[in-house]
Amino acid sequence: MPAIADIALTTADGLRVDALSIDDAPALVEAFTDTALRRWLPLPDPYPLAVAEEWCTATAEQMRESGRGIVRAIRIDGALAGSIDAKRVDWRAMTCELSYWTAAPYRGRGLMPRAVDELSRALLNEHGFQRIELRIAPGNGASLRTAQKAGFHREGTARNAGFTDDGRVDLVIWSRVPADLQD
């Protein structure tokens, strides 16, 4: 598998999508104490600083270098506002899945739809991907709105396809393909 390019994006309004660093680890730990966020992410509880440091450095870089995925920070004025990951990369089919989260103080500002739009455009236009998927629990209204605002198309529901700390959940499948960028 080829390595994924070290993607860094900046929007006209100052939203930055770039690599995580070890300096982001404390903000990651803080974000993962939020019960609203934890409802949808099956994470260790508590989320130790050592795990965050490993994720922000070695794990994220190993994913990118191996071609298995890419982990990007979402920043406003240099602060970590959230994260977006491309995972389940299939180089033969040129597909991947995006997942994302927004830290509580940054919710409701439209940051995540812009970040999802920007990263998916880069993957489709500049990196040759042919399909980007989102898989979202039906009860996660904020994430469903993000998918729609970012230009993804709802395809259907995969029953019992995901899990959270509360158990199994259905997942709503959304996609974006190169033709969608022509709309």
N, C-alpha and C. Protein backbone atom coordinates (compact mmCIF):
# COMPACT_ATOMS: atom_id res chain seq x y z
N MET A 1 0.84 -1.18 0.00
CA MET A 1 0.00 0.00 0.00
C MET A 1 0.88 1.24 0.00
N PRO A 2 0.50 2.23 -0.80
CA PRO A 2 1.27 3.47 -0.77
C PRO A 2 0.93 4.30 0.46
N ALA A 3 1.86 5.12 0.88
CA ALA A 3 1.58 6.06 1.97
C ALA A 3 0.58 7.09 1.48
N ILE A 4 -0.20 7.61 2.39
CA ILE A 4 -1.12 8.70 2.06
C ILE A 4 -0.35 10.00 2.22
N ALA A 5 -0.53 10.89 1.26
CA ALA A 5 0.15 12.18 1.32
C ALA A 5 -0.17 12.89 2.63
N ASP A 6 0.75 13.68 3.13
CA ASP A 6 0.59 14.42 4.37
C ASP A 6 -0.29 15.64 4.11
N ILE A 7 -1.59 15.44 4.09
CA ILE A 7 -2.56 16.46 3.72
C ILE A 7 -2.65 17.54 4.78
N ALA A 8 -2.57 18.79 4.34
CA ALA A 8 -2.81 19.96 5.19
C ALA A 8 -3.63 20.95 4.37
N LEU A 9 -4.74 21.41 4.94
CA LEU A 9 -5.66 22.30 4.24
C LEU A 9 -5.98 23.49 5.11
N THR A 10 -6.17 24.65 4.49
CA THR A 10 -6.61 25.84 5.20
C THR A 10 -7.70 26.51 4.39
N THR A 11 -8.83 26.81 5.03
CA THR A 11 -9.93 27.48 4.33
C THR A 11 -9.74 28.99 4.42
N ALA A 12 -10.51 29.70 3.61
CA ALA A 12 -10.41 31.17 3.58
C ALA A 12 -10.74 31.79 4.93
N ASP A 13 -11.59 31.11 5.73
CA ASP A 13 -11.98 31.66 7.02
C ASP A 13 -11.10 31.17 8.19
N GLY A 14 -9.98 30.52 7.88
CA GLY A 14 -9.01 30.16 8.92
C GLY A 14 -9.13 28.77 9.51
N LEU A 15 -10.06 27.96 9.02
CA LEU A 15 -10.14 26.58 9.49
C LEU A 15 -8.94 25.83 8.94
N ARG A 16 -8.24 25.12 9.81
CA ARG A 16 -7.03 24.38 9.39
C ARG A 16 -7.24 22.90 9.66
N VAL A 17 -6.87 22.07 8.68
CA VAL A 17 -6.90 20.62 8.80
C VAL A 17 -5.48 20.16 8.57
N ASP A 18 -4.84 19.61 9.61
CA ASP A 18 -3.44 19.21 9.49
C ASP A 18 -3.11 18.09 10.48
N ALA A 19 -1.86 17.74 10.57
CA ALA A 19 -1.43 16.62 11.42
C ALA A 19 -1.58 16.94 12.90
N LEU A 20 -1.90 15.92 13.66
CA LEU A 20 -1.86 16.03 15.12
C LEU A 20 -0.41 16.07 15.58
N SER A 21 -0.18 16.63 16.75
CA SER A 21 1.14 16.61 17.37
C SER A 21 0.99 16.21 18.83
N ILE A 22 2.09 15.92 19.46
CA ILE A 22 2.05 15.54 20.87
C ILE A 22 1.44 16.65 21.73
N ASP A 23 1.56 17.90 21.28
CA ASP A 23 0.97 19.02 22.02
C ASP A 23 -0.55 18.97 22.04
N ASP A 24 -1.15 18.19 21.13
CA ASP A 24 -2.61 18.05 21.08
C ASP A 24 -3.14 17.04 22.09
N ALA A 25 -2.28 16.22 22.65
CA ALA A 25 -2.72 15.13 23.52
C ALA A 25 -3.58 15.61 24.71
N PRO A 26 -3.19 16.65 25.45
CA PRO A 26 -4.05 17.08 26.57
C PRO A 26 -5.44 17.52 26.10
N ALA A 27 -5.53 18.18 24.96
CA ALA A 27 -6.84 18.59 24.43
C ALA A 27 -7.67 17.39 24.03
N LEU A 28 -7.02 16.36 23.52
CA LEU A 28 -7.70 15.12 23.17
C LEU A 28 -8.30 14.47 24.43
N VAL A 29 -7.50 14.38 25.48
CA VAL A 29 -7.97 13.81 26.74
C VAL A 29 -9.17 14.61 27.26
N GLU A 30 -9.06 15.92 27.22
CA GLU A 30 -10.15 16.79 27.68
C GLU A 30 -11.41 16.57 26.86
N ALA A 31 -11.27 16.52 25.54
CA ALA A 31 -12.44 16.32 24.66
C ALA A 31 -13.13 15.00 24.96
N PHE A 32 -12.36 13.98 25.27
CA PHE A 32 -12.92 12.65 25.48
C PHE A 32 -13.51 12.44 26.87
N THR A 33 -13.56 13.50 27.69
CA THR A 33 -14.29 13.43 28.95
C THR A 33 -15.75 13.82 28.75
N ASP A 34 -16.08 14.37 27.61
CA ASP A 34 -17.42 14.85 27.29
C ASP A 34 -18.37 13.67 27.05
N THR A 35 -19.41 13.56 27.85
CA THR A 35 -20.33 12.42 27.73
C THR A 35 -21.10 12.44 26.41
N ALA A 36 -21.40 13.60 25.87
CA ALA A 36 -22.10 13.68 24.58
C ALA A 36 -21.24 13.09 23.47
N LEU A 37 -19.96 13.33 23.51
CA LEU A 37 -19.03 12.78 22.52
C LEU A 37 -18.82 11.29 22.75
N ARG A 38 -18.63 10.91 23.97
CA ARG A 38 -18.37 9.51 24.32
C ARG A 38 -19.57 8.61 23.99
N ARG A 39 -20.75 9.20 23.91
CA ARG A 39 -21.94 8.40 23.59
C ARG A 39 -21.77 7.68 22.25
N TRP A 40 -21.03 8.29 21.33
CA TRP A 40 -20.91 7.75 19.97
C TRP A 40 -19.56 7.13 19.68
N LEU A 41 -18.59 7.31 20.55
CA LEU A 41 -17.24 6.79 20.31
C LEU A 41 -16.87 5.75 21.37
N PRO A 42 -16.62 4.52 20.98
CA PRO A 42 -16.20 3.51 21.95
C PRO A 42 -14.71 3.68 22.29
N LEU A 43 -14.45 4.45 23.33
CA LEU A 43 -13.09 4.79 23.75
C LEU A 43 -12.81 4.28 25.15
N PRO A 44 -11.53 4.11 25.49
CA PRO A 44 -11.21 3.77 26.88
C PRO A 44 -11.74 4.85 27.83
N ASP A 45 -12.20 4.43 28.99
CA ASP A 45 -12.71 5.38 29.98
C ASP A 45 -12.10 5.06 31.34
N PRO A 46 -11.23 5.90 31.85
CA PRO A 46 -10.83 7.19 31.29
C PRO A 46 -9.88 7.01 30.10
N TYR A 47 -9.68 8.11 29.37
CA TYR A 47 -8.79 8.11 28.22
C TYR A 47 -7.44 8.68 28.70
N PRO A 48 -6.44 7.82 28.91
CA PRO A 48 -5.18 8.26 29.52
C PRO A 48 -4.34 9.16 28.59
N LEU A 49 -3.60 10.05 29.18
CA LEU A 49 -2.72 10.93 28.43
C LEU A 49 -1.72 10.13 27.59
N ALA A 50 -1.19 9.05 28.12
CA ALA A 50 -0.22 8.23 27.37
C ALA A 50 -0.84 7.67 26.09
N VAL A 51 -2.11 7.27 26.15
CA VAL A 51 -2.80 6.78 24.95
C VAL A 51 -2.98 7.92 23.94
N ALA A 52 -3.36 9.09 24.42
CA ALA A 52 -3.52 10.25 23.55
C ALA A 52 -2.19 10.62 22.89
N GLU A 53 -1.12 10.61 23.65
CA GLU A 53 0.20 10.93 23.08
C GLU A 53 0.60 9.93 22.00
N GLU A 54 0.36 8.66 22.26
CA GLU A 54 0.67 7.61 21.28
C GLU A 54 -0.17 7.80 20.01
N TRP A 55 -1.46 8.10 20.18
CA TRP A 55 -2.35 8.31 19.04
C TRP A 55 -1.90 9.51 18.21
N CYS A 56 -1.57 10.61 18.88
CA CYS A 56 -1.20 11.86 18.19
C CYS A 56 0.14 11.77 17.46
N THR A 57 0.95 10.83 17.83
CA THR A 57 2.29 10.75 17.23
C THR A 57 2.46 9.44 16.46
N ALA A 58 2.85 8.41 17.13
CA ALA A 58 3.22 7.15 16.47
C ALA A 58 2.07 6.50 15.71
N THR A 59 0.91 6.36 16.34
CA THR A 59 -0.19 5.65 15.68
C THR A 59 -0.66 6.39 14.44
N ALA A 60 -0.88 7.70 14.56
CA ALA A 60 -1.35 8.48 13.42
C ALA A 60 -0.34 8.44 12.28
N GLU A 61 0.92 8.55 12.58
CA GLU A 61 1.94 8.54 11.52
C GLU A 61 2.08 7.15 10.91
N GLN A 62 1.99 6.11 11.72
CA GLN A 62 2.05 4.74 11.18
C GLN A 62 0.88 4.46 10.24
N MET A 63 -0.30 4.95 10.59
CA MET A 63 -1.46 4.78 9.71
C MET A 63 -1.21 5.44 8.36
N ARG A 64 -0.72 6.67 8.39
CA ARG A 64 -0.48 7.41 7.15
C ARG A 64 0.61 6.75 6.31
N GLU A 65 1.72 6.42 6.94
CA GLU A 65 2.85 5.83 6.21
C GLU A 65 2.51 4.45 5.64
N SER A 66 1.69 3.69 6.34
CA SER A 66 1.32 2.35 5.87
C SER A 66 0.24 2.39 4.80
N GLY A 67 -0.42 3.54 4.63
CA GLY A 67 -1.50 3.66 3.67
C GLY A 67 -2.84 3.20 4.19
N ARG A 68 -2.92 2.86 5.49
CA ARG A 68 -4.17 2.38 6.07
C ARG A 68 -5.16 3.49 6.37
N GLY A 69 -4.67 4.73 6.47
CA GLY A 69 -5.55 5.84 6.78
C GLY A 69 -4.76 7.09 7.07
N ILE A 70 -5.48 8.14 7.43
CA ILE A 70 -4.83 9.39 7.81
C ILE A 70 -5.67 10.06 8.89
N VAL A 71 -5.01 10.59 9.89
CA VAL A 71 -5.65 11.27 11.01
C VAL A 71 -5.27 12.74 10.92
N ARG A 72 -6.27 13.61 10.91
CA ARG A 72 -6.03 15.04 10.80
C ARG A 72 -6.69 15.78 11.96
N ALA A 73 -6.00 16.79 12.46
CA ALA A 73 -6.56 17.69 13.46
C ALA A 73 -7.39 18.75 12.74
N ILE A 74 -8.40 19.24 13.42
CA ILE A 74 -9.17 20.38 12.93
C ILE A 74 -8.89 21.50 13.91
N ARG A 75 -8.39 22.61 13.39
CA ARG A 75 -7.94 23.70 14.26
C ARG A 75 -8.62 25.03 13.92
N ILE A 76 -8.88 25.78 14.97
CA ILE A 76 -9.31 27.16 14.85
C ILE A 76 -8.35 27.97 15.70
N ASP A 77 -7.72 28.95 15.09
CA ASP A 77 -6.73 29.79 15.79
C ASP A 77 -5.69 28.93 16.52
N GLY A 78 -5.30 27.84 15.91
CA GLY A 78 -4.28 26.96 16.46
C GLY A 78 -4.78 25.95 17.48
N ALA A 79 -5.99 26.14 18.00
CA ALA A 79 -6.54 25.24 19.02
C ALA A 79 -7.17 24.01 18.36
N LEU A 80 -7.05 22.86 19.03
CA LEU A 80 -7.65 21.64 18.53
C LEU A 80 -9.16 21.70 18.77
N ALA A 81 -9.93 21.78 17.67
CA ALA A 81 -11.39 21.86 17.74
C ALA A 81 -12.03 20.51 17.48
N GLY A 82 -11.27 19.57 16.91
CA GLY A 82 -11.80 18.25 16.61
C GLY A 82 -10.80 17.47 15.79
N SER A 83 -11.27 16.37 15.23
CA SER A 83 -10.40 15.52 14.43
C SER A 83 -11.22 14.83 13.36
N ILE A 84 -10.56 14.49 12.28
CA ILE A 84 -11.19 13.76 11.19
C ILE A 84 -10.20 12.72 10.70
N ASP A 85 -10.68 11.51 10.52
CA ASP A 85 -9.83 10.39 10.10
C ASP A 85 -10.36 9.80 8.80
N ALA A 86 -9.46 9.45 7.90
CA ALA A 86 -9.80 8.59 6.77
C ALA A 86 -9.30 7.21 7.16
N LYS A 87 -10.18 6.23 7.12
CA LYS A 87 -9.82 4.87 7.53
C LYS A 87 -10.45 3.88 6.56
N ARG A 88 -10.18 2.60 6.78
CA ARG A 88 -10.69 1.54 5.90
C ARG A 88 -10.38 1.86 4.44
N VAL A 89 -9.16 2.29 4.21
CA VAL A 89 -8.72 2.63 2.85
C VAL A 89 -8.59 1.35 2.03
N ASP A 90 -9.20 1.35 0.88
CA ASP A 90 -9.08 0.25 -0.08
C ASP A 90 -8.44 0.83 -1.34
N TRP A 91 -7.15 0.56 -1.51
CA TRP A 91 -6.40 1.15 -2.62
C TRP A 91 -6.82 0.59 -3.97
N ARG A 92 -7.26 -0.64 -4.00
CA ARG A 92 -7.70 -1.22 -5.27
C ARG A 92 -9.00 -0.56 -5.74
N ALA A 93 -9.94 -0.41 -4.84
CA ALA A 93 -11.22 0.22 -5.17
C ALA A 93 -11.17 1.74 -5.09
N MET A 94 -10.11 2.28 -4.45
CA MET A 94 -9.95 3.72 -4.23
C MET A 94 -11.12 4.28 -3.42
N THR A 95 -11.36 3.63 -2.27
CA THR A 95 -12.42 4.05 -1.37
C THR A 95 -11.87 4.19 0.04
N CYS A 96 -12.58 4.95 0.86
CA CYS A 96 -12.26 5.05 2.29
C CYS A 96 -13.48 5.54 3.04
N GLU A 97 -13.37 5.49 4.35
CA GLU A 97 -14.43 5.98 5.23
C GLU A 97 -13.86 7.11 6.07
N LEU A 98 -14.63 8.16 6.26
CA LEU A 98 -14.25 9.24 7.16
C LEU A 98 -15.01 9.11 8.47
N SER A 99 -14.34 9.42 9.56
CA SER A 99 -14.99 9.56 10.86
C SER A 99 -14.48 10.84 11.48
N TYR A 100 -15.27 11.41 12.38
CA TYR A 100 -14.91 12.74 12.90
C TYR A 100 -15.58 12.98 14.24
N TRP A 101 -15.04 13.95 14.96
CA TRP A 101 -15.64 14.41 16.20
C TRP A 101 -15.28 15.88 16.40
N THR A 102 -16.12 16.59 17.16
CA THR A 102 -15.89 18.00 17.46
C THR A 102 -15.89 18.18 18.97
N ALA A 103 -14.90 18.88 19.49
CA ALA A 103 -14.83 19.17 20.92
C ALA A 103 -15.99 20.09 21.30
N ALA A 104 -16.53 19.90 22.50
CA ALA A 104 -17.72 20.62 22.95
C ALA A 104 -17.68 22.13 22.73
N PRO A 105 -16.58 22.83 23.06
CA PRO A 105 -16.60 24.29 22.90
C PRO A 105 -16.72 24.77 21.44
N TYR A 106 -16.51 23.88 20.49
CA TYR A 106 -16.50 24.26 19.09
C TYR A 106 -17.73 23.79 18.31
N ARG A 107 -18.65 23.13 18.98
CA ARG A 107 -19.85 22.64 18.30
C ARG A 107 -20.78 23.79 17.95
N GLY A 108 -21.56 23.58 16.89
CA GLY A 108 -22.55 24.57 16.48
C GLY A 108 -22.00 25.72 15.66
N ARG A 109 -20.75 25.64 15.25
CA ARG A 109 -20.12 26.71 14.48
C ARG A 109 -19.96 26.35 13.00
N GLY A 110 -20.38 25.16 12.63
CA GLY A 110 -20.25 24.74 11.23
C GLY A 110 -18.85 24.32 10.84
N LEU A 111 -18.00 24.06 11.83
CA LEU A 111 -16.61 23.68 11.53
C LEU A 111 -16.52 22.30 10.88
N MET A 112 -17.23 21.34 11.44
CA MET A 112 -17.08 19.97 10.96
C MET A 112 -17.60 19.79 9.53
N PRO A 113 -18.76 20.34 9.17
CA PRO A 113 -19.16 20.19 7.76
C PRO A 113 -18.12 20.76 6.79
N ARG A 114 -17.50 21.88 7.16
CA ARG A 114 -16.47 22.47 6.29
C ARG A 114 -15.25 21.57 6.21
N ALA A 115 -14.84 21.01 7.35
CA ALA A 115 -13.66 20.13 7.36
C ALA A 115 -13.93 18.85 6.57
N VAL A 116 -15.11 18.25 6.74
CA VAL A 116 -15.46 17.03 6.01
C VAL A 116 -15.53 17.33 4.51
N ASP A 117 -16.12 18.45 4.16
CA ASP A 117 -16.18 18.86 2.75
C ASP A 117 -14.77 19.02 2.19
N GLU A 118 -13.93 19.75 2.87
CA GLU A 118 -12.57 20.03 2.37
C GLU A 118 -11.74 18.75 2.23
N LEU A 119 -11.75 17.91 3.25
CA LEU A 119 -10.94 16.70 3.18
C LEU A 119 -11.48 15.74 2.12
N SER A 120 -12.79 15.60 2.04
CA SER A 120 -13.34 14.68 1.03
C SER A 120 -13.04 15.21 -0.37
N ARG A 121 -13.12 16.50 -0.60
CA ARG A 121 -12.76 17.08 -1.90
C ARG A 121 -11.30 16.79 -2.24
N ALA A 122 -10.42 16.96 -1.27
CA ALA A 122 -9.00 16.71 -1.52
C ALA A 122 -8.76 15.25 -1.86
N LEU A 123 -9.41 14.35 -1.12
CA LEU A 123 -9.23 12.92 -1.40
C LEU A 123 -9.77 12.54 -2.78
N LEU A 124 -10.90 13.12 -3.16
CA LEU A 124 -11.49 12.81 -4.47
C LEU A 124 -10.74 13.49 -5.61
N ASN A 125 -10.48 14.78 -5.47
CA ASN A 125 -9.88 15.55 -6.57
C ASN A 125 -8.38 15.36 -6.72
N GLU A 126 -7.67 15.36 -5.60
CA GLU A 126 -6.21 15.39 -5.66
C GLU A 126 -5.55 14.03 -5.46
N HIS A 127 -6.28 13.10 -4.84
CA HIS A 127 -5.68 11.81 -4.50
C HIS A 127 -6.34 10.63 -5.19
N GLY A 128 -7.29 10.91 -6.07
CA GLY A 128 -7.86 9.88 -6.93
C GLY A 128 -8.86 8.93 -6.30
N PHE A 129 -9.33 9.22 -5.09
CA PHE A 129 -10.33 8.35 -4.50
C PHE A 129 -11.62 8.43 -5.31
N GLN A 130 -12.35 7.33 -5.36
CA GLN A 130 -13.57 7.24 -6.15
C GLN A 130 -14.83 7.20 -5.29
N ARG A 131 -14.67 6.99 -4.01
CA ARG A 131 -15.82 6.94 -3.10
C ARG A 131 -15.34 7.19 -1.68
N ILE A 132 -16.04 8.10 -1.01
CA ILE A 132 -15.79 8.38 0.39
C ILE A 132 -17.09 8.06 1.13
N GLU A 133 -17.00 7.28 2.18
CA GLU A 133 -18.19 6.90 2.95
C GLU A 133 -18.16 7.51 4.34
N LEU A 134 -19.36 7.72 4.86
CA LEU A 134 -19.58 8.05 6.27
C LEU A 134 -20.55 7.00 6.79
N ARG A 135 -20.34 6.53 8.01
CA ARG A 135 -21.24 5.57 8.66
C ARG A 135 -21.62 6.17 10.00
N ILE A 136 -22.90 6.50 10.15
CA ILE A 136 -23.34 7.29 11.30
C ILE A 136 -24.53 6.63 11.99
N ALA A 137 -24.45 6.53 13.30
CA ALA A 137 -25.59 6.00 14.07
C ALA A 137 -26.79 6.91 13.86
N PRO A 138 -27.99 6.33 13.62
CA PRO A 138 -29.18 7.13 13.34
C PRO A 138 -29.52 8.14 14.43
N GLY A 139 -29.16 7.87 15.67
CA GLY A 139 -29.45 8.80 16.75
C GLY A 139 -28.49 9.97 16.87
N ASN A 140 -27.42 9.95 16.09
CA ASN A 140 -26.41 11.01 16.16
C ASN A 140 -26.78 12.14 15.20
N GLY A 141 -27.76 12.94 15.62
CA GLY A 141 -28.30 14.00 14.77
C GLY A 141 -27.28 15.00 14.28
N ALA A 142 -26.34 15.40 15.12
CA ALA A 142 -25.33 16.38 14.72
C ALA A 142 -24.46 15.82 13.60
N SER A 143 -24.08 14.57 13.71
CA SER A 143 -23.25 13.96 12.67
C SER A 143 -24.03 13.77 11.37
N LEU A 144 -25.31 13.42 11.47
CA LEU A 144 -26.15 13.30 10.28
C LEU A 144 -26.26 14.64 9.56
N ARG A 145 -26.42 15.73 10.32
CA ARG A 145 -26.49 17.07 9.72
C ARG A 145 -25.15 17.43 9.07
N THR A 146 -24.04 17.04 9.71
CA THR A 146 -22.72 17.29 9.13
C THR A 146 -22.60 16.63 7.77
N ALA A 147 -23.02 15.38 7.68
CA ALA A 147 -22.93 14.63 6.41
C ALA A 147 -23.70 15.36 5.31
N GLN A 148 -24.90 15.79 5.62
CA GLN A 148 -25.72 16.46 4.62
C GLN A 148 -25.11 17.80 4.22
N LYS A 149 -24.69 18.60 5.20
CA LYS A 149 -24.11 19.92 4.91
C LYS A 149 -22.80 19.80 4.14
N ALA A 150 -22.08 18.70 4.32
CA ALA A 150 -20.79 18.51 3.64
C ALA A 150 -20.96 17.97 2.22
N GLY A 151 -22.20 17.76 1.79
CA GLY A 151 -22.44 17.35 0.42
C GLY A 151 -22.48 15.85 0.17
N PHE A 152 -22.66 15.07 1.22
CA PHE A 152 -22.77 13.62 1.08
C PHE A 152 -24.21 13.23 0.78
N HIS A 153 -24.37 12.07 0.15
CA HIS A 153 -25.69 11.56 -0.19
C HIS A 153 -26.02 10.35 0.68
N ARG A 154 -27.21 10.38 1.26
CA ARG A 154 -27.66 9.26 2.10
C ARG A 154 -28.02 8.08 1.20
N GLU A 155 -27.52 6.90 1.55
CA GLU A 155 -27.76 5.72 0.74
C GLU A 155 -28.70 4.72 1.39
N GLY A 156 -28.64 4.60 2.69
CA GLY A 156 -29.47 3.60 3.37
C GLY A 156 -28.91 3.30 4.74
N THR A 157 -29.42 2.23 5.34
CA THR A 157 -29.02 1.86 6.68
C THR A 157 -28.47 0.45 6.71
N ALA A 158 -27.30 0.31 7.29
CA ALA A 158 -26.71 -1.01 7.53
C ALA A 158 -27.14 -1.41 8.95
N ARG A 159 -27.95 -2.43 9.04
CA ARG A 159 -28.51 -2.82 10.32
C ARG A 159 -27.46 -3.49 11.21
N ASN A 160 -27.44 -3.06 12.48
CA ASN A 160 -26.58 -3.68 13.50
C ASN A 160 -25.11 -3.68 13.10
N ALA A 161 -24.69 -2.67 12.36
CA ALA A 161 -23.35 -2.65 11.77
C ALA A 161 -22.29 -1.96 12.62
N GLY A 162 -22.70 -1.29 13.69
CA GLY A 162 -21.73 -0.57 14.50
C GLY A 162 -21.93 -0.86 15.97
N PHE A 163 -21.07 -0.24 16.78
CA PHE A 163 -21.21 -0.41 18.23
C PHE A 163 -20.73 0.83 18.95
N THR A 164 -21.31 1.04 20.10
CA THR A 164 -20.89 2.08 21.02
C THR A 164 -20.74 1.41 22.38
N ASP A 165 -20.40 2.18 23.38
CA ASP A 165 -20.31 1.61 24.73
C ASP A 165 -21.65 1.06 25.20
N ASP A 166 -22.74 1.56 24.63
CA ASP A 166 -24.09 1.10 25.01
C ASP A 166 -24.52 -0.15 24.26
N GLY A 167 -23.75 -0.58 23.27
CA GLY A 167 -24.11 -1.79 22.52
C GLY A 167 -24.15 -1.57 21.03
N ARG A 168 -24.79 -2.48 20.31
CA ARG A 168 -24.87 -2.47 18.86
C ARG A 168 -25.81 -1.37 18.38
N VAL A 169 -25.49 -0.78 17.22
CA VAL A 169 -26.32 0.25 16.61
C VAL A 169 -26.35 0.04 15.10
N ASP A 170 -27.42 0.50 14.48
CA ASP A 170 -27.48 0.58 13.03
C ASP A 170 -26.56 1.72 12.60
N LEU A 171 -26.17 1.72 11.34
CA LEU A 171 -25.38 2.81 10.79
C LEU A 171 -25.99 3.29 9.49
N VAL A 172 -26.22 4.59 9.40
CA VAL A 172 -26.70 5.20 8.17
C VAL A 172 -25.48 5.42 7.27
N ILE A 173 -25.56 4.95 6.04
CA ILE A 173 -24.44 5.05 5.09
C ILE A 173 -24.65 6.27 4.21
N TRP A 174 -23.63 7.09 4.14
CA TRP A 174 -23.59 8.27 3.29
C TRP A 174 -22.38 8.12 2.38
N SER A 175 -22.44 8.71 1.19
CA SER A 175 -21.28 8.64 0.31
C SER A 175 -21.12 9.93 -0.48
N ARG A 176 -19.90 10.08 -0.98
CA ARG A 176 -19.57 11.17 -1.90
C ARG A 176 -18.64 10.59 -2.94
N VAL A 177 -18.92 10.86 -4.19
CA VAL A 177 -18.13 10.37 -5.32
C VAL A 177 -17.75 11.56 -6.19
N PRO A 178 -16.77 11.40 -7.08
CA PRO A 178 -16.34 12.53 -7.89
C PRO A 178 -17.48 13.27 -8.61
N ALA A 179 -18.48 12.55 -9.10
CA ALA A 179 -19.59 13.20 -9.81
C ALA A 179 -20.36 14.17 -8.93
N ASP A 180 -20.36 13.93 -7.61
CA ASP A 180 -21.06 14.83 -6.68
C ASP A 180 -20.43 16.20 -6.63
N LEU A 181 -19.17 16.29 -6.98
CA LEU A 181 -18.50 17.59 -6.93
C LEU A 181 -18.84 18.44 -8.14
N GLN A 182 -19.50 17.86 -9.12
CA GLN A 182 -19.90 18.59 -10.32
C GLN A 182 -21.24 19.28 -10.12
N ASP A 183 -21.98 18.89 -9.05
CA ASP A 183 -23.32 19.45 -8.79
C ASP A 183 -23.27 20.92 -8.49
